[in-house]
Amino acid sequence: MLALRTYSCRVPWLSLVLLFATLLSGCGSPMPPEHTKAVARFQELGGEVNLRDGGFEVNLRDTLVQDDDLASLGDIQDLKAIDLRGTEVTPAALDYIRPIKTLDVVLLKGTKIPVEEIIRFDQELGEVDVLH
C-alpha cells in the first residue's frame, strides 16, 4: 500500500477518465491508442484532459504549449473544449482547431492571436463559443 502513495496521481486519474469515457460512450472497447497518446502528450506539456459534457476538454492554460503541439488535438475523441488562455500560441494554432467538429468552447484570452483574428475565427466556427 505504501508503494501506491509514491506514484503520481495523474496516472490513476487518467485511467479513471478513460474508463468513465468508455462507459459513457456505451461501448465496451477502450479508447483508441491515438487518443491515449494525445492525452499523455498534453499532460507532458503540463496540461490536463478532463471529462466535460459527455466528451473531453483539453486545458493547456498558462503552459508553454506551442502551435505545433496542438497537432494531436484531433486525436482526442469527442473534444468539447480547449483552454489555451495565457499561452504563446499564434494564429497558426487555429489550423489545428478548425477541423474539430465536436467543439463547444475555445478559450483564447492572453494568447498571441490578434483580437481581429479571433473574431474572424469565432465567426467561421459558428456555434462554437470562442472566448477572448
N, C-alpha and C. Protein backbone atom coordinates (compact mmCIF):
# COMPACT_ATOMS: atom_id res chain seq x y z
N MET A 1 0.83 -1.20 0.00
CA MET A 1 0.00 0.00 0.00
C MET A 1 0.86 1.25 0.00
N LEU A 2 2.00 1.23 0.64
CA LEU A 2 2.89 2.38 0.64
C LEU A 2 3.42 2.68 -0.75
N ALA A 3 3.62 1.63 -1.57
CA ALA A 3 4.13 1.85 -2.92
C ALA A 3 3.15 2.65 -3.76
N LEU A 4 1.86 2.49 -3.53
CA LEU A 4 0.87 3.24 -4.29
C LEU A 4 0.96 4.73 -4.02
N ARG A 5 1.36 5.11 -2.82
CA ARG A 5 1.44 6.52 -2.46
C ARG A 5 2.60 7.23 -3.16
N THR A 6 3.55 6.50 -3.68
CA THR A 6 4.70 7.14 -4.33
C THR A 6 4.43 7.48 -5.78
N TYR A 7 3.38 6.93 -6.37
CA TYR A 7 3.07 7.21 -7.77
C TYR A 7 2.35 8.55 -7.89
N SER A 8 2.56 9.19 -9.00
CA SER A 8 1.84 10.43 -9.29
C SER A 8 0.36 10.11 -9.44
N CYS A 9 -0.48 11.00 -8.95
CA CYS A 9 -1.92 10.74 -9.03
C CYS A 9 -2.45 10.93 -10.44
N ARG A 10 -1.67 11.50 -11.35
CA ARG A 10 -2.16 11.72 -12.71
C ARG A 10 -2.38 10.40 -13.46
N VAL A 11 -1.53 9.43 -13.23
CA VAL A 11 -1.68 8.17 -13.96
C VAL A 11 -2.97 7.47 -13.57
N PRO A 12 -3.27 7.29 -12.27
CA PRO A 12 -4.56 6.67 -11.94
C PRO A 12 -5.73 7.55 -12.40
N TRP A 13 -5.60 8.86 -12.32
CA TRP A 13 -6.68 9.75 -12.74
C TRP A 13 -6.94 9.56 -14.23
N LEU A 14 -5.88 9.50 -15.02
CA LEU A 14 -6.04 9.28 -16.46
C LEU A 14 -6.76 7.97 -16.71
N SER A 15 -6.40 6.93 -15.98
CA SER A 15 -7.06 5.64 -16.15
C SER A 15 -8.54 5.73 -15.83
N LEU A 16 -8.88 6.46 -14.77
CA LEU A 16 -10.29 6.62 -14.42
C LEU A 16 -11.05 7.42 -15.48
N VAL A 17 -10.42 8.47 -15.98
CA VAL A 17 -11.06 9.28 -17.02
C VAL A 17 -11.35 8.43 -18.24
N LEU A 18 -10.38 7.65 -18.67
CA LEU A 18 -10.57 6.80 -19.85
C LEU A 18 -11.62 5.73 -19.60
N LEU A 19 -11.65 5.18 -18.40
CA LEU A 19 -12.65 4.17 -18.05
C LEU A 19 -14.05 4.78 -18.09
N PHE A 20 -14.23 5.95 -17.47
CA PHE A 20 -15.54 6.59 -17.47
C PHE A 20 -15.96 6.98 -18.88
N ALA A 21 -15.02 7.44 -19.68
CA ALA A 21 -15.36 7.81 -21.06
C ALA A 21 -15.85 6.59 -21.84
N THR A 22 -15.21 5.47 -21.61
CA THR A 22 -15.62 4.24 -22.28
C THR A 22 -17.02 3.84 -21.83
N LEU A 23 -17.28 3.95 -20.53
CA LEU A 23 -18.60 3.59 -20.02
C LEU A 23 -19.67 4.55 -20.53
N LEU A 24 -19.35 5.85 -20.57
CA LEU A 24 -20.31 6.84 -21.04
C LEU A 24 -20.62 6.68 -22.52
N SER A 25 -19.65 6.24 -23.28
CA SER A 25 -19.87 6.10 -24.71
C SER A 25 -20.74 4.89 -25.03
N GLY A 26 -20.93 4.01 -24.05
CA GLY A 26 -21.81 2.88 -24.24
C GLY A 26 -21.17 1.72 -24.97
N CYS A 27 -19.88 1.81 -25.21
CA CYS A 27 -19.23 0.69 -25.89
C CYS A 27 -18.22 0.05 -24.94
N GLY A 28 -17.91 -1.18 -25.20
CA GLY A 28 -17.00 -1.90 -24.33
C GLY A 28 -15.56 -1.80 -24.75
N SER A 29 -15.29 -1.11 -25.86
CA SER A 29 -13.91 -1.04 -26.33
C SER A 29 -13.18 0.15 -25.72
N PRO A 30 -11.89 0.01 -25.49
CA PRO A 30 -11.13 1.11 -24.91
C PRO A 30 -10.92 2.22 -25.93
N MET A 31 -10.44 3.36 -25.44
CA MET A 31 -10.14 4.48 -26.32
C MET A 31 -9.05 4.07 -27.31
N PRO A 32 -9.08 4.63 -28.50
CA PRO A 32 -8.04 4.32 -29.48
C PRO A 32 -6.66 4.74 -28.97
N PRO A 33 -5.62 4.08 -29.43
CA PRO A 33 -4.26 4.42 -28.97
C PRO A 33 -3.90 5.88 -29.25
N GLU A 34 -4.41 6.44 -30.35
CA GLU A 34 -4.11 7.84 -30.68
C GLU A 34 -4.64 8.78 -29.61
N HIS A 35 -5.84 8.46 -29.10
CA HIS A 35 -6.45 9.27 -28.04
C HIS A 35 -5.58 9.22 -26.78
N THR A 36 -5.23 8.01 -26.38
CA THR A 36 -4.43 7.82 -25.17
C THR A 36 -3.07 8.51 -25.31
N LYS A 37 -2.47 8.41 -26.47
CA LYS A 37 -1.17 9.04 -26.73
C LYS A 37 -1.29 10.57 -26.67
N ALA A 38 -2.36 11.11 -27.23
CA ALA A 38 -2.57 12.56 -27.20
C ALA A 38 -2.78 13.05 -25.77
N VAL A 39 -3.54 12.31 -24.97
CA VAL A 39 -3.75 12.67 -23.57
C VAL A 39 -2.41 12.72 -22.85
N ALA A 40 -1.60 11.71 -23.04
CA ALA A 40 -0.28 11.67 -22.39
C ALA A 40 0.58 12.85 -22.84
N ARG A 41 0.54 13.19 -24.11
CA ARG A 41 1.33 14.31 -24.64
C ARG A 41 0.90 15.63 -24.01
N PHE A 42 -0.40 15.87 -23.89
CA PHE A 42 -0.87 17.12 -23.29
C PHE A 42 -0.52 17.18 -21.80
N GLN A 43 -0.52 16.04 -21.13
CA GLN A 43 -0.10 16.01 -19.74
C GLN A 43 1.40 16.31 -19.61
N GLU A 44 2.20 15.81 -20.54
CA GLU A 44 3.64 16.11 -20.54
C GLU A 44 3.88 17.61 -20.67
N LEU A 45 3.00 18.28 -21.39
CA LEU A 45 3.13 19.73 -21.59
C LEU A 45 2.63 20.53 -20.38
N GLY A 46 2.15 19.82 -19.37
CA GLY A 46 1.65 20.49 -18.17
C GLY A 46 0.15 20.72 -18.19
N GLY A 47 -0.52 20.18 -19.19
CA GLY A 47 -1.96 20.37 -19.31
C GLY A 47 -2.74 19.23 -18.67
N GLU A 48 -4.05 19.35 -18.82
CA GLU A 48 -4.96 18.33 -18.30
C GLU A 48 -5.99 17.99 -19.37
N VAL A 49 -6.45 16.76 -19.33
CA VAL A 49 -7.56 16.33 -20.19
C VAL A 49 -8.61 15.77 -19.25
N ASN A 50 -9.79 16.40 -19.27
CA ASN A 50 -10.85 16.05 -18.33
C ASN A 50 -12.14 15.74 -19.07
N LEU A 51 -13.04 15.02 -18.39
CA LEU A 51 -14.38 14.79 -18.94
C LEU A 51 -15.16 16.08 -18.90
N ARG A 52 -15.98 16.31 -19.94
CA ARG A 52 -16.83 17.51 -19.99
C ARG A 52 -18.01 17.22 -20.91
N ASP A 53 -19.21 17.35 -20.40
CA ASP A 53 -20.43 17.27 -21.21
C ASP A 53 -20.44 16.07 -22.15
N GLY A 54 -20.11 14.90 -21.65
CA GLY A 54 -20.13 13.70 -22.47
C GLY A 54 -18.95 13.58 -23.42
N GLY A 55 -17.97 14.42 -23.26
CA GLY A 55 -16.76 14.38 -24.08
C GLY A 55 -15.56 14.77 -23.23
N PHE A 56 -14.61 15.42 -23.86
CA PHE A 56 -13.39 15.80 -23.16
C PHE A 56 -13.08 17.28 -23.34
N GLU A 57 -12.32 17.81 -22.40
CA GLU A 57 -11.76 19.15 -22.53
C GLU A 57 -10.25 19.05 -22.36
N VAL A 58 -9.53 19.84 -23.14
CA VAL A 58 -8.08 19.93 -23.02
C VAL A 58 -7.78 21.29 -22.42
N ASN A 59 -7.17 21.29 -21.24
CA ASN A 59 -6.82 22.52 -20.55
C ASN A 59 -5.30 22.69 -20.59
N LEU A 60 -4.85 23.63 -21.41
CA LEU A 60 -3.42 23.94 -21.52
C LEU A 60 -3.13 25.35 -21.03
N ARG A 61 -4.02 25.89 -20.23
CA ARG A 61 -3.90 27.26 -19.73
C ARG A 61 -2.56 27.46 -19.03
N ASP A 62 -1.91 28.58 -19.39
CA ASP A 62 -0.66 29.00 -18.76
C ASP A 62 0.46 27.97 -18.87
N THR A 63 0.44 27.18 -19.94
CA THR A 63 1.54 26.24 -20.18
C THR A 63 2.44 26.81 -21.28
N LEU A 64 3.51 26.12 -21.58
CA LEU A 64 4.45 26.55 -22.61
C LEU A 64 4.13 25.93 -23.97
N VAL A 65 2.89 25.56 -24.17
CA VAL A 65 2.47 24.92 -25.42
C VAL A 65 2.77 25.83 -26.62
N GLN A 66 3.20 25.21 -27.70
CA GLN A 66 3.46 25.92 -28.96
C GLN A 66 2.44 25.45 -30.00
N ASP A 67 2.36 26.18 -31.09
CA ASP A 67 1.38 25.87 -32.13
C ASP A 67 1.40 24.40 -32.55
N ASP A 68 2.57 23.89 -32.89
CA ASP A 68 2.67 22.51 -33.39
C ASP A 68 2.35 21.45 -32.35
N ASP A 69 2.38 21.82 -31.07
CA ASP A 69 1.99 20.88 -30.02
C ASP A 69 0.51 20.52 -30.11
N LEU A 70 -0.25 21.32 -30.83
CA LEU A 70 -1.70 21.10 -30.93
C LEU A 70 -2.08 20.15 -32.05
N ALA A 71 -1.10 19.62 -32.75
CA ALA A 71 -1.37 18.74 -33.89
C ALA A 71 -2.20 17.52 -33.50
N SER A 72 -2.08 17.06 -32.27
CA SER A 72 -2.82 15.85 -31.87
C SER A 72 -4.17 16.16 -31.22
N LEU A 73 -4.62 17.42 -31.26
CA LEU A 73 -5.95 17.74 -30.72
C LEU A 73 -7.03 16.91 -31.39
N GLY A 74 -6.91 16.69 -32.67
CA GLY A 74 -7.90 15.91 -33.41
C GLY A 74 -7.97 14.46 -32.99
N ASP A 75 -6.97 13.98 -32.26
CA ASP A 75 -6.96 12.60 -31.78
C ASP A 75 -7.77 12.41 -30.50
N ILE A 76 -8.15 13.52 -29.86
CA ILE A 76 -8.97 13.43 -28.65
C ILE A 76 -10.42 13.24 -29.08
N GLN A 77 -10.99 12.11 -28.70
CA GLN A 77 -12.36 11.81 -29.11
C GLN A 77 -13.35 12.72 -28.40
N ASP A 78 -14.35 13.16 -29.14
CA ASP A 78 -15.42 13.99 -28.59
C ASP A 78 -14.88 15.20 -27.82
N LEU A 79 -13.94 15.89 -28.42
CA LEU A 79 -13.35 17.07 -27.78
C LEU A 79 -14.38 18.19 -27.75
N LYS A 80 -14.72 18.66 -26.55
CA LYS A 80 -15.74 19.68 -26.36
C LYS A 80 -15.16 21.06 -26.10
N ALA A 81 -14.00 21.13 -25.44
CA ALA A 81 -13.45 22.44 -25.06
C ALA A 81 -11.93 22.42 -25.09
N ILE A 82 -11.37 23.57 -25.46
CA ILE A 82 -9.92 23.76 -25.46
C ILE A 82 -9.64 25.07 -24.74
N ASP A 83 -8.78 25.03 -23.74
CA ASP A 83 -8.40 26.23 -23.00
C ASP A 83 -6.93 26.52 -23.28
N LEU A 84 -6.69 27.58 -24.03
CA LEU A 84 -5.32 28.00 -24.38
C LEU A 84 -4.98 29.35 -23.78
N ARG A 85 -5.75 29.81 -22.80
CA ARG A 85 -5.50 31.11 -22.20
C ARG A 85 -4.09 31.19 -21.61
N GLY A 86 -3.48 32.34 -21.84
CA GLY A 86 -2.16 32.58 -21.26
C GLY A 86 -1.04 31.80 -21.91
N THR A 87 -1.24 31.32 -23.14
CA THR A 87 -0.18 30.58 -23.83
C THR A 87 0.42 31.43 -24.94
N GLU A 88 1.45 30.94 -25.56
CA GLU A 88 2.16 31.66 -26.62
C GLU A 88 1.69 31.26 -28.02
N VAL A 89 0.53 30.63 -28.12
CA VAL A 89 0.08 30.19 -29.44
C VAL A 89 -0.22 31.39 -30.33
N THR A 90 -0.06 31.17 -31.64
CA THR A 90 -0.24 32.21 -32.65
C THR A 90 -1.41 31.81 -33.56
N PRO A 91 -1.73 32.63 -34.55
CA PRO A 91 -2.81 32.26 -35.47
C PRO A 91 -2.62 30.89 -36.13
N ALA A 92 -1.39 30.42 -36.25
CA ALA A 92 -1.15 29.09 -36.84
C ALA A 92 -1.81 27.98 -36.03
N ALA A 93 -1.99 28.19 -34.73
CA ALA A 93 -2.63 27.18 -33.88
C ALA A 93 -4.08 26.93 -34.30
N LEU A 94 -4.71 27.94 -34.86
CA LEU A 94 -6.12 27.82 -35.24
C LEU A 94 -6.33 26.76 -36.32
N ASP A 95 -5.30 26.51 -37.13
CA ASP A 95 -5.40 25.48 -38.17
C ASP A 95 -5.59 24.08 -37.59
N TYR A 96 -5.14 23.86 -36.36
CA TYR A 96 -5.32 22.57 -35.70
C TYR A 96 -6.69 22.46 -35.04
N ILE A 97 -7.32 23.60 -34.80
CA ILE A 97 -8.61 23.62 -34.12
C ILE A 97 -9.78 23.57 -35.12
N ARG A 98 -9.63 24.23 -36.24
CA ARG A 98 -10.71 24.33 -37.25
C ARG A 98 -11.37 23.00 -37.61
N PRO A 99 -10.62 21.94 -37.85
CA PRO A 99 -11.26 20.69 -38.31
C PRO A 99 -12.06 19.95 -37.24
N ILE A 100 -11.97 20.35 -35.99
CA ILE A 100 -12.63 19.61 -34.91
C ILE A 100 -14.10 20.01 -34.86
N LYS A 101 -14.97 19.07 -35.17
CA LYS A 101 -16.41 19.35 -35.31
C LYS A 101 -17.22 19.16 -34.03
N THR A 102 -16.59 18.66 -32.96
CA THR A 102 -17.33 18.39 -31.73
C THR A 102 -17.19 19.51 -30.70
N LEU A 103 -16.47 20.57 -31.03
CA LEU A 103 -16.18 21.63 -30.07
C LEU A 103 -17.39 22.46 -29.68
N ASP A 104 -17.42 22.85 -28.41
CA ASP A 104 -18.41 23.79 -27.89
C ASP A 104 -17.75 25.12 -27.50
N VAL A 105 -16.51 25.04 -26.96
CA VAL A 105 -15.85 26.21 -26.40
C VAL A 105 -14.36 26.19 -26.73
N VAL A 106 -13.84 27.38 -27.12
CA VAL A 106 -12.40 27.59 -27.30
C VAL A 106 -12.04 28.87 -26.55
N LEU A 107 -11.10 28.77 -25.62
CA LEU A 107 -10.68 29.92 -24.81
C LEU A 107 -9.31 30.39 -25.28
N LEU A 108 -9.24 31.65 -25.74
CA LEU A 108 -8.02 32.16 -26.37
C LEU A 108 -7.49 33.46 -25.73
N LYS A 109 -8.03 33.87 -24.61
CA LYS A 109 -7.60 35.12 -23.99
C LYS A 109 -6.12 35.03 -23.57
N GLY A 110 -5.37 36.09 -23.86
CA GLY A 110 -3.98 36.14 -23.43
C GLY A 110 -3.03 35.35 -24.31
N THR A 111 -3.47 35.01 -25.53
CA THR A 111 -2.58 34.33 -26.48
C THR A 111 -1.95 35.38 -27.40
N LYS A 112 -1.13 34.94 -28.32
CA LYS A 112 -0.51 35.85 -29.29
C LYS A 112 -1.35 35.96 -30.57
N ILE A 113 -2.60 35.57 -30.47
CA ILE A 113 -3.51 35.67 -31.61
C ILE A 113 -4.20 37.03 -31.53
N PRO A 114 -4.05 37.86 -32.56
CA PRO A 114 -4.69 39.18 -32.53
C PRO A 114 -6.21 39.06 -32.41
N VAL A 115 -6.81 40.03 -31.73
CA VAL A 115 -8.25 40.02 -31.50
C VAL A 115 -9.03 39.93 -32.81
N GLU A 116 -8.57 40.62 -33.83
CA GLU A 116 -9.27 40.59 -35.12
C GLU A 116 -9.31 39.16 -35.68
N GLU A 117 -8.21 38.45 -35.52
CA GLU A 117 -8.13 37.06 -35.99
C GLU A 117 -9.06 36.16 -35.18
N ILE A 118 -9.14 36.40 -33.88
CA ILE A 118 -10.03 35.62 -33.01
C ILE A 118 -11.49 35.87 -33.40
N ILE A 119 -11.83 37.12 -33.70
CA ILE A 119 -13.20 37.45 -34.10
C ILE A 119 -13.55 36.73 -35.40
N ARG A 120 -12.64 36.74 -36.38
CA ARG A 120 -12.88 36.02 -37.64
C ARG A 120 -13.04 34.52 -37.39
N PHE A 121 -12.19 33.99 -36.54
CA PHE A 121 -12.24 32.57 -36.19
C PHE A 121 -13.58 32.23 -35.55
N ASP A 122 -14.04 33.08 -34.65
CA ASP A 122 -15.32 32.90 -33.98
C ASP A 122 -16.46 32.87 -35.00
N GLN A 123 -16.45 33.79 -35.94
CA GLN A 123 -17.48 33.84 -36.97
C GLN A 123 -17.43 32.60 -37.87
N GLU A 124 -16.23 32.15 -38.15
CA GLU A 124 -16.05 30.97 -39.00
C GLU A 124 -16.60 29.71 -38.35
N LEU A 125 -16.41 29.57 -37.04
CA LEU A 125 -16.85 28.36 -36.35
C LEU A 125 -18.34 28.33 -36.04
N GLY A 126 -19.00 29.47 -36.13
CA GLY A 126 -20.44 29.49 -35.94
C GLY A 126 -20.87 29.27 -34.52
N GLU A 127 -21.38 28.08 -34.21
CA GLU A 127 -21.98 27.83 -32.91
C GLU A 127 -20.99 27.54 -31.79
N VAL A 128 -19.73 27.48 -32.09
CA VAL A 128 -18.70 27.27 -31.07
C VAL A 128 -18.47 28.61 -30.36
N ASP A 129 -18.44 28.60 -29.03
CA ASP A 129 -18.13 29.81 -28.27
C ASP A 129 -16.62 30.00 -28.25
N VAL A 130 -16.16 31.05 -28.91
CA VAL A 130 -14.74 31.40 -28.91
C VAL A 130 -14.60 32.61 -28.00
N LEU A 131 -13.98 32.42 -26.86
CA LEU A 131 -13.88 33.48 -25.87
C LEU A 131 -12.48 34.06 -25.83
N HIS A 132 -12.43 35.40 -25.81
CA HIS A 132 -11.14 36.11 -25.80
C HIS A 132 -11.19 37.27 -24.86
